[in-house]
């Protein structure tokens, strides 16, 4: 099941929630040239997941939901342009667990 919040997709697969950029956000920020992940293992909604530098802007990506960061797409650190890929298997940022199911349900359907 895929939902969206704050121009981010959140896709649920069992108990893992994958956060990625929506095509609209990809278009708005332009080509990503730099990704720096935050060190936090537990995030609340609104906490920064990563800092992006792109051709049109520099921004912190806020967590659309809270949870425990179980995986970061570290390939982005060496190849940040993967965030501009239409391929969901390449353009994700982080994977979360221990997410409040009701918070996920409150996000808009994708």
PDB file of N, CA and C in Angstrom:
ATOM      1  N   UNK A   1       0.840  -1.171   0.000  1.00  0.00           N
ATOM      2  CA  UNK A   1       0.000   0.000   0.000  1.00  0.00           C
ATOM      3  C   UNK A   1       0.892   1.243   0.000  1.00  0.00           C
ATOM      4  N   UNK A   2       0.563   2.174  -0.870  1.00  0.00           N
ATOM      5  CA  UNK A   2       1.360   3.400  -0.993  1.00  0.00           C
ATOM      6  C   UNK A   2       0.506   4.605  -0.631  1.00  0.00           C
ATOM      7  N   UNK A   3       1.092   5.465   0.201  1.00  0.00           N
ATOM      8  CA  UNK A   3       0.437   6.711   0.616  1.00  0.00           C
ATOM      9  C   UNK A   3       1.390   7.860   0.306  1.00  0.00           C
ATOM     10  N   UNK A   4       0.904   9.080   0.524  1.00  0.00           N
ATOM     11  CA  UNK A   4       1.777  10.233   0.312  1.00  0.00           C
ATOM     12  C   UNK A   4       1.558  11.266   1.405  1.00  0.00           C
ATOM     13  N   UNK A   5       2.659  11.921   1.753  1.00  0.00           N
ATOM     14  CA  UNK A   5       2.625  12.990   2.734  1.00  0.00           C
ATOM     15  C   UNK A   5       3.806  13.914   2.515  1.00  0.00           C
ATOM     16  N   UNK A   6       3.566  15.202   2.506  1.00  0.00           N
ATOM     17  CA  UNK A   6       4.638  16.188   2.334  1.00  0.00           C
ATOM     18  C   UNK A   6       5.460  15.955   1.069  1.00  0.00           C
ATOM     19  N   UNK A   7       4.801  15.672  -0.038  1.00  0.00           N
ATOM     20  CA  UNK A   7       5.476  15.435  -1.322  1.00  0.00           C
ATOM     21  C   UNK A   7       6.410  14.228  -1.281  1.00  0.00           C
ATOM     22  N   UNK A   8       6.123  13.305  -0.385  1.00  0.00           N
ATOM     23  CA  UNK A   8       6.884  12.063  -0.290  1.00  0.00           C
ATOM     24  C   UNK A   8       5.923  10.889  -0.382  1.00  0.00           C
ATOM     25  N   UNK A   9       6.396   9.804  -0.986  1.00  0.00           N
ATOM     26  CA  UNK A   9       5.651   8.553  -0.963  1.00  0.00           C
ATOM     27  C   UNK A   9       6.089   7.764   0.257  1.00  0.00           C
ATOM     28  N   UNK A  10       5.152   7.047   0.860  1.00  0.00           N
ATOM     29  CA  UNK A  10       5.447   6.087   1.914  1.00  0.00           C
ATOM     30  C   UNK A  10       4.769   4.786   1.494  1.00  0.00           C
ATOM     31  N   UNK A  11       5.573   3.774   1.230  1.00  0.00           N
ATOM     32  CA  UNK A  11       5.031   2.503   0.783  1.00  0.00           C
ATOM     33  C   UNK A  11       5.222   1.458   1.864  1.00  0.00           C
ATOM     34  N   UNK A  12       4.116   0.823   2.251  1.00  0.00           N
ATOM     35  CA  UNK A  12       4.144  -0.187   3.304  1.00  0.00           C
ATOM     36  C   UNK A  12       4.295  -1.566   2.682  1.00  0.00           C
ATOM     37  N   UNK A  13       5.269  -2.326   3.192  1.00  0.00           N
ATOM     38  CA  UNK A  13       5.467  -3.714   2.786  1.00  0.00           C
ATOM     39  C   UNK A  13       5.700  -4.498   4.064  1.00  0.00           C
ATOM     40  N   UNK A  14       4.676  -5.223   4.512  1.00  0.00           N
ATOM     41  CA  UNK A  14       4.676  -5.888   5.823  1.00  0.00           C
ATOM     42  C   UNK A  14       4.848  -4.824   6.900  1.00  0.00           C
ATOM     43  N   UNK A  15       5.937  -4.875   7.669  1.00  0.00           N
ATOM     44  CA  UNK A  15       6.152  -3.897   8.738  1.00  0.00           C
ATOM     45  C   UNK A  15       7.239  -2.889   8.387  1.00  0.00           C
ATOM     46  N   UNK A  16       7.586  -2.773   7.097  1.00  0.00           N
ATOM     47  CA  UNK A  16       8.618  -1.835   6.651  1.00  0.00           C
ATOM     48  C   UNK A  16       7.958  -0.775   5.769  1.00  0.00           C
ATOM     49  N   UNK A  17       8.302   0.480   6.052  1.00  0.00           N
ATOM     50  CA  UNK A  17       7.735   1.626   5.344  1.00  0.00           C
ATOM     51  C   UNK A  17       8.858   2.338   4.599  1.00  0.00           C
ATOM     52  N   UNK A  18       8.791   2.343   3.275  1.00  0.00           N
ATOM     53  CA  UNK A  18       9.831   2.945   2.444  1.00  0.00           C
ATOM     54  C   UNK A  18       9.422   4.361   2.045  1.00  0.00           C
ATOM     55  N   UNK A  19      10.316   5.315   2.317  1.00  0.00           N
ATOM     56  CA  UNK A  19      10.066   6.728   2.018  1.00  0.00           C
ATOM     57  C   UNK A  19      10.839   7.102   0.760  1.00  0.00           C
ATOM     58  N   UNK A  20      10.137   7.706  -0.209  1.00  0.00           N
ATOM     59  CA  UNK A  20      10.784   8.143  -1.457  1.00  0.00           C
ATOM     60  C   UNK A  20      10.147   9.457  -1.910  1.00  0.00           C
ATOM     61  N   UNK A  21      10.796  10.108  -2.859  1.00  0.00           N
ATOM     62  CA  UNK A  21      10.312  11.379  -3.391  1.00  0.00           C
ATOM     63  C   UNK A  21       9.196  11.141  -4.407  1.00  0.00           C
ATOM     64  N   UNK A  22       8.205  12.025  -4.415  1.00  0.00           N
ATOM     65  CA  UNK A  22       7.184  11.961  -5.461  1.00  0.00           C
ATOM     66  C   UNK A  22       7.762  12.567  -6.743  1.00  0.00           C
ATOM     67  N   UNK A  23       7.198  12.223  -7.895  1.00  0.00           N
ATOM     68  CA  UNK A  23       7.660  12.846  -9.146  1.00  0.00           C
ATOM     69  C   UNK A  23       7.563  14.373  -9.102  1.00  0.00           C
ATOM     70  N   UNK A  24       6.540  14.910  -8.421  1.00  0.00           N
ATOM     71  CA  UNK A  24       6.387  16.362  -8.332  1.00  0.00           C
ATOM     72  C   UNK A  24       7.573  16.990  -7.593  1.00  0.00           C
ATOM     73  N   UNK A  25       7.972  16.375  -6.493  1.00  0.00           N
ATOM     74  CA  UNK A  25       9.108  16.904  -5.741  1.00  0.00           C
ATOM     75  C   UNK A  25      10.397  16.758  -6.546  1.00  0.00           C
ATOM     76  N   UNK A  26      10.557  15.620  -7.223  1.00  0.00           N
ATOM     77  CA  UNK A  26      11.735  15.436  -8.072  1.00  0.00           C
ATOM     78  C   UNK A  26      11.829  16.554  -9.099  1.00  0.00           C
ATOM     79  N   UNK A  27      10.694  16.885  -9.710  1.00  0.00           N
ATOM     80  CA  UNK A  27      10.658  17.939 -10.721  1.00  0.00           C
ATOM     81  C   UNK A  27      10.927  19.314 -10.108  1.00  0.00           C
ATOM     82  N   UNK A  28      10.353  19.568  -8.940  1.00  0.00           N
ATOM     83  CA  UNK A  28      10.508  20.871  -8.286  1.00  0.00           C
ATOM     84  C   UNK A  28      11.944  21.170  -7.868  1.00  0.00           C
ATOM     85  N   UNK A  29      12.674  20.155  -7.402  1.00  0.00           N
ATOM     86  CA  UNK A  29      14.028  20.410  -6.895  1.00  0.00           C
ATOM     87  C   UNK A  29      15.106  20.284  -7.962  1.00  0.00           C
ATOM     88  N   UNK A  30      14.807  19.603  -9.061  1.00  0.00           N
ATOM     89  CA  UNK A  30      15.795  19.438 -10.122  1.00  0.00           C
ATOM     90  C   UNK A  30      16.722  18.272  -9.848  1.00  0.00           C
ATOM     91  N   UNK A  31      17.822  18.243 -10.548  1.00  0.00           N
ATOM     92  CA  UNK A  31      18.779  17.145 -10.446  1.00  0.00           C
ATOM     93  C   UNK A  31      19.507  17.194  -9.108  1.00  0.00           C
ATOM     94  N   UNK A  32      19.443  16.084  -8.388  1.00  0.00           N
ATOM     95  CA  UNK A  32      20.084  16.010  -7.078  1.00  0.00           C
ATOM     96  C   UNK A  32      21.575  15.752  -7.262  1.00  0.00           C
ATOM     97  N   UNK A  33      22.392  16.572  -6.578  1.00  0.00           N
ATOM     98  CA  UNK A  33      23.837  16.446  -6.694  1.00  0.00           C
ATOM     99  C   UNK A  33      24.520  16.018  -5.409  1.00  0.00           C
ATOM    100  N   UNK A  34      23.775  16.021  -4.290  1.00  0.00           N
ATOM    101  CA  UNK A  34      24.394  15.692  -3.003  1.00  0.00           C
ATOM    102  C   UNK A  34      23.312  15.216  -2.032  1.00  0.00           C
ATOM    103  N   UNK A  35      23.604  14.143  -1.304  1.00  0.00           N
ATOM    104  CA  UNK A  35      22.699  13.618  -0.283  1.00  0.00           C
ATOM    105  C   UNK A  35      23.500  13.367   0.986  1.00  0.00           C
ATOM    106  N   UNK A  36      23.005  13.892   2.097  1.00  0.00           N
ATOM    107  CA  UNK A  36      23.623  13.632   3.395  1.00  0.00           C
ATOM    108  C   UNK A  36      22.533  13.163   4.348  1.00  0.00           C
ATOM    109  N   UNK A  37      22.664  11.920   4.832  1.00  0.00           N
ATOM    110  CA  UNK A  37      21.674  11.379   5.759  1.00  0.00           C
ATOM    111  C   UNK A  37      21.932  11.882   7.168  1.00  0.00           C
ATOM    112  N   UNK A  38      20.860  12.067   7.917  1.00  0.00           N
ATOM    113  CA  UNK A  38      20.968  12.429   9.325  1.00  0.00           C
ATOM    114  C   UNK A  38      21.318  11.171  10.116  1.00  0.00           C
ATOM    115  N   UNK A  39      21.952  11.346  11.257  1.00  0.00           N
ATOM    116  CA  UNK A  39      22.407  10.205  12.053  1.00  0.00           C
ATOM    117  C   UNK A  39      21.331   9.587  12.930  1.00  0.00           C
ATOM    118  N   UNK A  40      20.176  10.199  13.000  1.00  0.00           N
ATOM    119  CA  UNK A  40      19.128   9.730  13.896  1.00  0.00           C
ATOM    120  C   UNK A  40      18.636   8.334  13.509  1.00  0.00           C
ATOM    121  N   UNK A  41      18.451   7.482  14.529  1.00  0.00           N
ATOM    122  CA  UNK A  41      17.882   6.155  14.298  1.00  0.00           C
ATOM    123  C   UNK A  41      16.377   6.142  14.517  1.00  0.00           C
ATOM    124  N   UNK A  42      15.903   7.036  15.367  1.00  0.00           N
ATOM    125  CA  UNK A  42      14.469   7.164  15.619  1.00  0.00           C
ATOM    126  C   UNK A  42      14.049   8.571  15.228  1.00  0.00           C
ATOM    127  N   UNK A  43      13.007   8.663  14.399  1.00  0.00           N
ATOM    128  CA  UNK A  43      12.546   9.966  13.944  1.00  0.00           C
ATOM    129  C   UNK A  43      11.073  10.147  14.272  1.00  0.00           C
ATOM    130  N   UNK A  44      10.715  11.389  14.519  1.00  0.00           N
ATOM    131  CA  UNK A  44       9.325  11.775  14.689  1.00  0.00           C
ATOM    132  C   UNK A  44       8.894  12.462  13.396  1.00  0.00           C
ATOM    133  N   UNK A  45       7.593  12.537  13.208  1.00  0.00           N
ATOM    134  CA  UNK A  45       7.086  13.234  12.026  1.00  0.00           C
ATOM    135  C   UNK A  45       7.665  14.645  12.015  1.00  0.00           C
ATOM    136  N   UNK A  46       8.214  15.048  10.866  1.00  0.00           N
ATOM    137  CA  UNK A  46       8.788  16.379  10.718  1.00  0.00           C
ATOM    138  C   UNK A  46      10.286  16.440  10.930  1.00  0.00           C
ATOM    139  N   UNK A  47      10.871  15.421  11.592  1.00  0.00           N
ATOM    140  CA  UNK A  47      12.324  15.389  11.760  1.00  0.00           C
ATOM    141  C   UNK A  47      13.000  15.230  10.399  1.00  0.00           C
ATOM    142  N   UNK A  48      14.168  15.811  10.241  1.00  0.00           N
ATOM    143  CA  UNK A  48      14.899  15.701   8.976  1.00  0.00           C
ATOM    144  C   UNK A  48      15.446  14.291   8.801  1.00  0.00           C
ATOM    145  N   UNK A  49      15.195  13.713   7.632  1.00  0.00           N
ATOM    146  CA  UNK A  49      15.750  12.409   7.278  1.00  0.00           C
ATOM    147  C   UNK A  49      17.086  12.564   6.564  1.00  0.00           C
ATOM    148  N   UNK A  50      17.156  13.568   5.698  1.00  0.00           N
ATOM    149  CA  UNK A  50      18.352  13.789   4.889  1.00  0.00           C
ATOM    150  C   UNK A  50      18.368  15.226   4.395  1.00  0.00           C
ATOM    151  N   UNK A  51      19.570  15.671   4.048  1.00  0.00           N
ATOM    152  CA  UNK A  51      19.743  16.979   3.417  1.00  0.00           C
ATOM    153  C   UNK A  51      20.065  16.722   1.951  1.00  0.00           C
ATOM    154  N   UNK A  52      19.362  17.422   1.072  1.00  0.00           N
ATOM    155  CA  UNK A  52      19.591  17.293  -0.368  1.00  0.00           C
ATOM    156  C   UNK A  52      20.066  18.617  -0.933  1.00  0.00           C
ATOM    157  N   UNK A  53      21.031  18.536  -1.822  1.00  0.00           N
ATOM    158  CA  UNK A  53      21.417  19.693  -2.621  1.00  0.00           C
ATOM    159  C   UNK A  53      21.101  19.330  -4.060  1.00  0.00           C
ATOM    160  N   UNK A  54      20.285  20.163  -4.686  1.00  0.00           N
ATOM    161  CA  UNK A  54      19.858  19.900  -6.057  1.00  0.00           C
ATOM    162  C   UNK A  54      20.060  21.151  -6.894  1.00  0.00           C
ATOM    163  N   UNK A  55      19.804  21.021  -8.194  1.00  0.00           N
ATOM    164  CA  UNK A  55      20.070  22.131  -9.105  1.00  0.00           C
ATOM    165  C   UNK A  55      19.196  23.350  -8.812  1.00  0.00           C
ATOM    166  N   UNK A  56      18.027  23.153  -8.203  1.00  0.00           N
ATOM    167  CA  UNK A  56      17.131  24.270  -7.956  1.00  0.00           C
ATOM    168  C   UNK A  56      17.045  24.689  -6.489  1.00  0.00           C
ATOM    169  N   UNK A  57      17.558  23.867  -5.561  1.00  0.00           N
ATOM    170  CA  UNK A  57      17.388  24.185  -4.142  1.00  0.00           C
ATOM    171  C   UNK A  57      18.272  23.318  -3.244  1.00  0.00           C
ATOM    172  N   UNK A  58      18.347  23.712  -1.994  1.00  0.00           N
ATOM    173  CA  UNK A  58      18.939  22.909  -0.920  1.00  0.00           C
ATOM    174  C   UNK A  58      17.843  22.748   0.117  1.00  0.00           C
ATOM    175  N   UNK A  59      17.567  21.524   0.549  1.00  0.00           N
ATOM    176  CA  UNK A  59      16.501  21.337   1.518  1.00  0.00           C
ATOM    177  C   UNK A  59      16.714  20.111   2.383  1.00  0.00           C
ATOM    178  N   UNK A  60      16.113  20.166   3.575  1.00  0.00           N
ATOM    179  CA  UNK A  60      16.032  19.007   4.443  1.00  0.00           C
ATOM    180  C   UNK A  60      14.730  18.292   4.105  1.00  0.00           C
ATOM    181  N   UNK A  61      14.803  16.975   4.020  1.00  0.00           N
ATOM    182  CA  UNK A  61      13.611  16.176   3.752  1.00  0.00           C
ATOM    183  C   UNK A  61      12.995  15.766   5.083  1.00  0.00           C
ATOM    184  N   UNK A  62      11.778  16.227   5.390  1.00  0.00           N
ATOM    185  CA  UNK A  62      11.148  15.897   6.672  1.00  0.00           C
ATOM    186  C   UNK A  62      10.479  14.524   6.627  1.00  0.00           C
ATOM    187  N   UNK A  63      10.526  13.825   7.744  1.00  0.00           N
ATOM    188  CA  UNK A  63       9.862  12.526   7.841  1.00  0.00           C
ATOM    189  C   UNK A  63       8.345  12.727   7.783  1.00  0.00           C
ATOM    190  N   UNK A  64       7.653  12.048   6.861  1.00  0.00           N
ATOM    191  CA  UNK A  64       6.205  12.190   6.786  1.00  0.00           C
ATOM    192  C   UNK A  64       5.488  11.454   7.926  1.00  0.00           C
ATOM    193  N   UNK A  65       6.188  10.492   8.543  1.00  0.00           N
ATOM    194  CA  UNK A  65       5.691   9.745   9.699  1.00  0.00           C
ATOM    195  C   UNK A  65       6.890   9.421  10.588  1.00  0.00           C
ATOM    196  N   UNK A  66       6.619   9.111  11.826  1.00  0.00           N
ATOM    197  CA  UNK A  66       7.693   8.742  12.740  1.00  0.00           C
ATOM    198  C   UNK A  66       7.948   7.251  12.708  1.00  0.00           C
ATOM    199  N   UNK A  67       9.145   6.862  13.155  1.00  0.00           N
ATOM    200  CA  UNK A  67       9.488   5.448  13.219  1.00  0.00           C
ATOM    201  C   UNK A  67      10.973   5.268  13.440  1.00  0.00           C
ATOM    202  N   UNK A  68      11.399   4.024  13.375  1.00  0.00           N
ATOM    203  CA  UNK A  68      12.808   3.674  13.531  1.00  0.00           C
ATOM    204  C   UNK A  68      13.416   3.483  12.153  1.00  0.00           C
ATOM    205  N   UNK A  69      14.529   4.178  11.873  1.00  0.00           N
ATOM    206  CA  UNK A  69      15.215   4.034  10.592  1.00  0.00           C
ATOM    207  C   UNK A  69      15.955   2.695  10.601  1.00  0.00           C
ATOM    208  N   UNK A  70      15.538   1.783   9.724  1.00  0.00           N
ATOM    209  CA  UNK A  70      16.164   0.460   9.666  1.00  0.00           C
ATOM    210  C   UNK A  70      17.117   0.316   8.486  1.00  0.00           C
ATOM    211  N   UNK A  71      16.990   1.211   7.508  1.00  0.00           N
ATOM    212  CA  UNK A  71      17.902   1.178   6.360  1.00  0.00           C
ATOM    213  C   UNK A  71      17.909   2.530   5.684  1.00  0.00           C
ATOM    214  N   UNK A  72      19.092   2.937   5.218  1.00  0.00           N
ATOM    215  CA  UNK A  72      19.255   4.156   4.432  1.00  0.00           C
ATOM    216  C   UNK A  72      19.775   3.739   3.066  1.00  0.00           C
ATOM    217  N   UNK A  73      19.343   4.407   2.032  1.00  0.00           N
ATOM    218  CA  UNK A  73      19.804   4.106   0.681  1.00  0.00           C
ATOM    219  C   UNK A  73      21.176   4.768   0.491  1.00  0.00           C
ATOM    220  N   UNK A  74      22.203   4.128   1.038  1.00  0.00           N
ATOM    221  CA  UNK A  74      23.546   4.707   1.037  1.00  0.00           C
ATOM    222  C   UNK A  74      24.135   4.819  -0.373  1.00  0.00           C
ATOM    223  N   UNK A  75      23.546   4.143  -1.352  1.00  0.00           N
ATOM    224  CA  UNK A  75      24.000   4.302  -2.741  1.00  0.00           C
ATOM    225  C   UNK A  75      23.857   5.753  -3.194  1.00  0.00           C
ATOM    226  N   UNK A  76      22.920   6.471  -2.577  1.00  0.00           N
ATOM    227  CA  UNK A  76      22.679   7.872  -2.951  1.00  0.00           C
ATOM    228  C   UNK A  76      23.860   8.764  -2.610  1.00  0.00           C
ATOM    229  N   UNK A  77      24.640   8.389  -1.609  1.00  0.00           N
ATOM    230  CA  UNK A  77      25.792   9.215  -1.219  1.00  0.00           C
ATOM    231  C   UNK A  77      26.834   9.262  -2.331  1.00  0.00           C
ATOM    232  N   UNK A  78      26.980   8.165  -3.073  1.00  0.00           N
ATOM    233  CA  UNK A  78      27.936   8.120  -4.187  1.00  0.00           C
ATOM    234  C   UNK A  78      27.298   8.457  -5.530  1.00  0.00           C
ATOM    235  N   UNK A  79      25.981   8.251  -5.629  1.00  0.00           N
ATOM    236  CA  UNK A  79      25.274   8.507  -6.884  1.00  0.00           C
ATOM    237  C   UNK A  79      23.923   9.173  -6.579  1.00  0.00           C
ATOM    238  N   UNK A  80      23.951  10.455  -6.142  1.00  0.00           N
ATOM    239  CA  UNK A  80      22.717  11.125  -5.728  1.00  0.00           C
ATOM    240  C   UNK A  80      21.685  11.268  -6.843  1.00  0.00           C
ATOM    241  N   UNK A  81      22.101  11.186  -8.088  1.00  0.00           N
ATOM    242  CA  UNK A  81      21.159  11.320  -9.199  1.00  0.00           C
ATOM    243  C   UNK A  81      20.143  10.180  -9.246  1.00  0.00           C
ATOM    244  N   UNK A  82      20.406   9.095  -8.485  1.00  0.00           N
ATOM    245  CA  UNK A  82      19.430   8.010  -8.403  1.00  0.00           C
ATOM    246  C   UNK A  82      18.087   8.506  -7.857  1.00  0.00           C
ATOM    247  N   UNK A  83      18.113   9.581  -7.058  1.00  0.00           N
ATOM    248  CA  UNK A  83      16.862  10.137  -6.543  1.00  0.00           C
ATOM    249  C   UNK A  83      15.971  10.678  -7.646  1.00  0.00           C
ATOM    250  N   UNK A  84      16.542  10.999  -8.789  1.00  0.00           N
ATOM    251  CA  UNK A  84      15.763  11.497  -9.915  1.00  0.00           C
ATOM    252  C   UNK A  84      15.256  10.370 -10.809  1.00  0.00           C
ATOM    253  N   UNK A  85      15.604   9.140 -10.475  1.00  0.00           N
ATOM    254  CA  UNK A  85      15.175   7.989 -11.260  1.00  0.00           C
ATOM    255  C   UNK A  85      13.682   7.723 -11.055  1.00  0.00           C
ATOM    256  N   UNK A  86      12.982   7.303 -12.110  1.00  0.00           N
ATOM    257  CA  UNK A  86      11.581   6.913 -11.946  1.00  0.00           C
ATOM    258  C   UNK A  86      11.445   5.524 -11.309  1.00  0.00           C
ATOM    259  N   UNK A  87      12.555   4.802 -11.157  1.00  0.00           N
ATOM    260  CA  UNK A  87      12.558   3.435 -10.631  1.00  0.00           C
ATOM    261  C   UNK A  87      12.475   3.437  -9.104  1.00  0.00           C
ATOM    262  N   UNK A  88      11.379   2.906  -8.556  1.00  0.00           N
ATOM    263  CA  UNK A  88      11.177   2.848  -7.107  1.00  0.00           C
ATOM    264  C   UNK A  88      12.261   2.067  -6.373  1.00  0.00           C
ATOM    265  N   UNK A  89      12.900   1.159  -7.056  1.00  0.00           N
ATOM    266  CA  UNK A  89      13.943   0.356  -6.410  1.00  0.00           C
ATOM    267  C   UNK A  89      15.244   1.131  -6.240  1.00  0.00           C
ATOM    268  N   UNK A  90      15.362   2.287  -6.896  1.00  0.00           N
ATOM    269  CA  UNK A  90      16.573   3.104  -6.816  1.00  0.00           C
ATOM    270  C   UNK A  90      16.353   4.436  -6.103  1.00  0.00           C
ATOM    271  N   UNK A  91      15.148   5.008  -6.184  1.00  0.00           N
ATOM    272  CA  UNK A  91      14.968   6.396  -5.744  1.00  0.00           C
ATOM    273  C   UNK A  91      14.424   6.545  -4.316  1.00  0.00           C
ATOM    274  N   UNK A  92      14.537   5.529  -3.489  1.00  0.00           N
ATOM    275  CA  UNK A  92      14.047   5.645  -2.114  1.00  0.00           C
ATOM    276  C   UNK A  92      15.130   6.232  -1.212  1.00  0.00           C
ATOM    277  N   UNK A  93      14.688   6.830  -0.099  1.00  0.00           N
ATOM    278  CA  UNK A  93      15.608   7.456   0.855  1.00  0.00           C
ATOM    279  C   UNK A  93      15.899   6.552   2.051  1.00  0.00           C
ATOM    280  N   UNK A  94      14.847   6.240   2.802  1.00  0.00           N
ATOM    281  CA  UNK A  94      15.009   5.442   4.015  1.00  0.00           C
ATOM    282  C   UNK A  94      13.871   4.441   4.132  1.00  0.00           C
ATOM    283  N   UNK A  95      14.116   3.435   4.974  1.00  0.00           N
ATOM    284  CA  UNK A  95      13.081   2.469   5.333  1.00  0.00           C
ATOM    285  C   UNK A  95      12.886   2.562   6.838  1.00  0.00           C
ATOM    286  N   UNK A  96      11.616   2.588   7.243  1.00  0.00           N
ATOM    287  CA  UNK A  96      11.250   2.734   8.648  1.00  0.00           C
ATOM    288  C   UNK A  96      10.518   1.500   9.149  1.00  0.00           C
ATOM    289  N   UNK A  97      10.656   1.239  10.434  1.00  0.00           N
ATOM    290  CA  UNK A  97       9.837   0.244  11.119  1.00  0.00           C
ATOM    291  C   UNK A  97       9.295   0.897  12.382  1.00  0.00           C
ATOM    292  N   UNK A  98       8.530   0.140  13.154  1.00  0.00           N
ATOM    293  CA  UNK A  98       7.949   0.655  14.401  1.00  0.00           C
ATOM    294  C   UNK A  98       7.160   1.944  14.157  1.00  0.00           C
ATOM    295  N   UNK A  99       6.412   1.949  13.055  1.00  0.00           N
ATOM    296  CA  UNK A  99       5.590   3.095  12.670  1.00  0.00           C
ATOM    297  C   UNK A  99       4.202   2.943  13.285  1.00  0.00           C
ATOM    298  N   UNK A 100       3.641   4.034  13.767  1.00  0.00           N
ATOM    299  CA  UNK A 100       2.276   4.046  14.280  1.00  0.00           C
ATOM    300  C   UNK A 100       1.332   3.862  13.089  1.00  0.00           C
ATOM    301  N   UNK A 101       0.638   2.746  13.073  1.00  0.00           N
ATOM    302  CA  UNK A 101      -0.238   2.411  11.949  1.00  0.00           C
ATOM    303  C   UNK A 101      -1.299   3.485  11.712  1.00  0.00           C
ATOM    304  N   UNK A 102      -1.811   4.093  12.770  1.00  0.00           N
ATOM    305  CA  UNK A 102      -2.841   5.123  12.593  1.00  0.00           C
ATOM    306  C   UNK A 102      -2.261   6.366  11.916  1.00  0.00           C
ATOM    307  N   UNK A 103      -0.985   6.682  12.185  1.00  0.00           N
ATOM    308  CA  UNK A 103      -0.338   7.817  11.512  1.00  0.00           C
ATOM    309  C   UNK A 103      -0.186   7.532  10.022  1.00  0.00           C
ATOM    310  N   UNK A 104       0.174   6.296   9.689  1.00  0.00           N
ATOM    311  CA  UNK A 104       0.281   5.906   8.279  1.00  0.00           C
ATOM    312  C   UNK A 104      -1.090   5.997   7.607  1.00  0.00           C
ATOM    313  N   UNK A 105      -2.132   5.515   8.289  1.00  0.00           N
ATOM    314  CA  UNK A 105      -3.477   5.527   7.718  1.00  0.00           C
ATOM    315  C   UNK A 105      -3.984   6.947   7.456  1.00  0.00           C
ATOM    316  N   UNK A 106      -3.484   7.922   8.209  1.00  0.00           N
ATOM    317  CA  UNK A 106      -3.919   9.312   8.045  1.00  0.00           C
ATOM    318  C   UNK A 106      -3.302   9.982   6.803  1.00  0.00           C
ATOM    319  N   UNK A 107      -2.247   9.406   6.252  1.00  0.00           N
ATOM    320  CA  UNK A 107      -1.657   9.969   5.043  1.00  0.00           C
ATOM    321  C   UNK A 107      -2.630   9.792   3.878  1.00  0.00           C
ATOM    322  N   UNK A 108      -2.490  10.625   2.850  1.00  0.00           N
ATOM    323  CA  UNK A 108      -3.348  10.538   1.675  1.00  0.00           C
ATOM    324  C   UNK A 108      -2.989   9.310   0.849  1.00  0.00           C
ATOM    325  N   UNK A 109      -3.981   8.724   0.195  1.00  0.00           N
ATOM    326  CA  UNK A 109      -3.722   7.622  -0.710  1.00  0.00           C
ATOM    327  C   UNK A 109      -2.956   8.134  -1.919  1.00  0.00           C
ATOM    328  N   UNK A 110      -1.998   7.334  -2.369  1.00  0.00           N
ATOM    329  CA  UNK A 110      -1.168   7.747  -3.513  1.00  0.00           C
ATOM    330  C   UNK A 110      -1.884   7.459  -4.814  1.00  0.00           C
TER     331      UNK A 110
END
